[in-house]
Amino acid sequence: MRPASVAVTLAAVFLLATACSGTDASGRHAARPALSPAAKPTAELEAAVRAYSQANFAPDADTAYGMLSRRCAAVVSRDVLGRLLDAAAASYGHPALRTVTIDRIRGTSAQVSYTYDDPALSQTGQDWLRENGRWKADMCPRKSQP
C-alpha cells in the first residue's frame, strides 16, 4: 500500500474509529479490581479506547459503530464504517495496542494518545466524549462554520 493510501485509510479508520477483551488466558472473563472514585474515569476511558481499537481491527463494525459519539454516528453510516474497517484489517491485520495515554480529561471530553506495534497506526490527541455514562470516540471531522 502506498504511503498516501496508508494515511488516508488510517485517517478514515481513526477519524471514525481500543479494552482488553476482559478475558484471562483460559478465555474466562477476568475479575476486575475495584477502582477508587478518582481512578474510575481514567480506567473507564482507557477500557473504552482499548475496546474501540479491538473492534476496529477485528473488524467488528457493529461494536465500533456503537462506540461512536452521536455526532460521528451522524457523519458515517454503519455500512461505510464496516467497509473502512474491513480495508484496515486487510491491510494491517490485528496490530497490538501497546500503550494508552490519557492526555486530558475535562468534564465529559478527553484526548487520548495510543501506540501500536506498527508505529504507522499510532495516534495522538484523539477526541473522546462521555455520552450517557459511556466514553465514545469523537474523531470525525467537525463541520466548518460559515
Protein backbone atom coordinates (compact mmCIF):
# COMPACT_ATOMS: atom_id res chain seq x y z
CA MET A 1 0.00 0.00 0.00
CA ARG A 2 1.37 3.47 -0.91
CA PRO A 3 2.13 5.87 1.97
CA ALA A 4 -0.65 8.21 0.84
CA SER A 5 -3.13 5.31 0.83
CA VAL A 6 -1.96 4.27 4.29
CA ALA A 7 -2.52 7.80 5.58
CA VAL A 8 -5.98 8.03 4.04
CA THR A 9 -7.03 4.62 5.36
CA LEU A 10 -5.69 5.40 8.83
CA ALA A 11 -7.33 8.79 8.89
CA ALA A 12 -10.65 7.28 7.87
CA VAL A 13 -10.47 4.48 10.42
CA PHE A 14 -9.32 6.60 13.30
CA LEU A 15 -11.37 9.59 12.49
CA LEU A 16 -14.38 7.31 12.89
CA ALA A 17 -12.64 4.86 14.68
CA THR A 18 -9.38 0.28 21.81
CA ALA A 19 -10.35 -2.64 26.46
CA CYS A 20 -8.73 -5.65 26.73
CA SER A 21 -11.08 -8.40 25.82
CA GLY A 22 -11.72 -8.76 29.52
CA THR A 23 -10.74 -12.42 29.47
CA ASP A 24 -7.91 -14.26 31.14
CA ALA A 25 -5.65 -16.84 29.48
CA SER A 26 -8.35 -19.52 29.79
CA GLY A 27 -10.85 -17.34 27.91
CA ARG A 28 -12.98 -16.67 31.01
CA HIS A 29 -13.88 -13.14 31.96
CA ALA A 30 -11.22 -11.86 34.31
CA ALA A 31 -12.18 -10.28 37.62
CA ARG A 32 -11.65 -6.54 37.67
CA PRO A 33 -10.35 -4.83 40.79
CA ALA A 34 -12.49 -2.18 42.45
CA LEU A 35 -11.49 1.32 41.42
CA SER A 36 -11.24 4.38 43.57
CA PRO A 37 -13.56 7.23 42.52
CA ALA A 38 -10.57 9.24 41.24
CA ALA A 39 -9.26 6.34 39.12
CA LYS A 40 -12.62 5.32 37.67
CA PRO A 41 -12.99 7.89 34.83
CA THR A 42 -9.43 7.26 33.67
CA ALA A 43 -9.81 3.47 33.82
CA GLU A 44 -13.17 3.59 32.04
CA LEU A 45 -11.73 5.78 29.30
CA GLU A 46 -8.73 3.53 28.80
CA ALA A 47 -11.02 0.50 28.65
CA ALA A 48 -13.16 2.23 26.01
CA VAL A 49 -10.10 3.12 23.91
CA ARG A 50 -8.88 -0.47 24.07
CA ALA A 51 -12.32 -1.90 23.21
CA TYR A 52 -12.68 0.51 20.30
CA SER A 53 -9.25 -0.40 18.94
CA GLN A 54 -10.03 -4.09 19.25
CA ALA A 55 -13.34 -3.62 17.42
CA ASN A 56 -11.65 -1.64 14.67
CA PHE A 57 -9.13 -4.32 13.81
CA ALA A 58 -11.33 -7.38 14.50
CA PRO A 59 -13.10 -5.94 12.40
CA ASP A 60 -16.36 -5.61 14.32
CA ALA A 61 -18.28 -2.75 12.74
CA ASP A 62 -21.34 -3.14 14.97
CA THR A 63 -19.28 -2.69 18.14
CA ALA A 64 -17.14 0.10 16.67
CA TYR A 65 -20.20 1.95 15.38
CA GLY A 66 -21.86 1.67 18.78
CA MET A 67 -18.79 3.33 20.31
CA LEU A 68 -19.01 6.44 18.12
CA SER A 69 -20.30 9.69 19.54
CA ARG A 70 -23.75 10.76 18.35
CA ARG A 71 -22.09 13.42 16.22
CA CYS A 72 -19.80 10.92 14.49
CA ALA A 73 -22.58 8.35 14.04
CA ALA A 74 -24.48 11.06 12.15
CA VAL A 75 -21.47 11.58 9.85
CA VAL A 76 -20.81 7.98 8.82
CA SER A 77 -23.13 5.03 8.32
CA ARG A 78 -22.51 1.64 9.88
CA ASP A 79 -22.04 0.18 6.37
CA VAL A 80 -19.39 2.73 5.39
CA LEU A 81 -17.59 2.18 8.68
CA GLY A 82 -17.73 -1.57 8.08
CA ARG A 83 -16.08 -1.21 4.68
CA LEU A 84 -13.36 1.03 6.16
CA LEU A 85 -12.68 -1.42 8.97
CA ASP A 86 -12.56 -4.37 6.56
CA ALA A 87 -9.97 -2.50 4.47
CA ALA A 88 -7.90 -1.60 7.53
CA ALA A 89 -7.96 -5.19 8.83
CA ALA A 90 -6.93 -6.47 5.41
CA SER A 91 -4.03 -4.02 5.32
CA TYR A 92 -2.83 -4.22 8.93
CA GLY A 93 -4.20 -7.42 10.39
CA HIS A 94 -4.59 -7.33 14.16
CA PRO A 95 -1.94 -4.92 15.45
CA ALA A 96 -1.15 -4.97 19.15
CA LEU A 97 -2.13 -1.88 21.09
CA ARG A 98 0.95 -1.13 23.19
CA THR A 99 0.20 2.00 25.20
CA VAL A 100 -2.76 4.21 26.03
CA THR A 101 -2.02 7.66 27.43
CA ILE A 102 -4.83 9.88 28.62
CA ASP A 103 -3.60 13.32 27.70
CA ARG A 104 -6.51 15.24 29.20
CA ILE A 105 -9.91 14.74 30.77
CA ARG A 106 -12.04 17.82 31.23
CA GLY A 107 -15.63 17.21 32.22
CA THR A 108 -17.19 14.99 29.55
CA SER A 109 -14.40 15.37 26.98
CA ALA A 110 -10.97 13.82 26.76
CA GLN A 111 -7.98 13.49 24.49
CA VAL A 112 -6.09 10.22 24.31
CA SER A 113 -2.91 9.08 22.57
CA TYR A 114 -2.08 5.46 21.86
CA THR A 115 0.67 3.43 20.23
CA TYR A 116 0.60 0.17 18.31
CA ASP A 117 3.33 -2.30 17.45
CA ASP A 118 3.16 -0.73 13.96
CA PRO A 119 4.12 2.94 14.53
CA ALA A 120 2.18 3.99 11.42
CA LEU A 121 -1.04 3.26 13.32
CA SER A 122 -0.20 5.22 16.47
CA GLN A 123 -2.49 8.15 17.26
CA THR A 124 -2.02 11.38 19.21
CA GLY A 125 -4.66 13.56 20.85
CA GLN A 126 -7.74 11.62 19.73
CA ASP A 127 -11.02 13.13 20.93
CA TRP A 128 -13.41 11.19 23.16
CA LEU A 129 -16.76 12.27 24.69
CA ARG A 130 -18.72 10.87 27.60
CA GLU A 131 -22.34 10.40 26.50
CA ASN A 132 -25.00 8.68 28.60
CA GLY A 133 -22.34 7.49 31.04
CA ARG A 134 -20.07 5.90 28.42
CA TRP A 135 -16.94 7.12 26.64
CA LYS A 136 -17.45 7.46 22.87
CA ALA A 137 -14.95 8.04 20.06
CA ASP A 138 -15.41 11.57 18.69
CA MET A 139 -12.79 11.67 15.95
CA CYS A 140 -14.90 12.61 12.96
CA PRO A 141 -14.34 15.95 11.23
CA ARG A 142 -16.18 18.93 12.60
CA LYS A 143 -18.33 20.86 10.19
CA SER A 144 -16.73 24.16 9.32
CA GLN A 145 -18.60 27.23 10.42
CA PRO A 146 -19.76 29.56 7.60
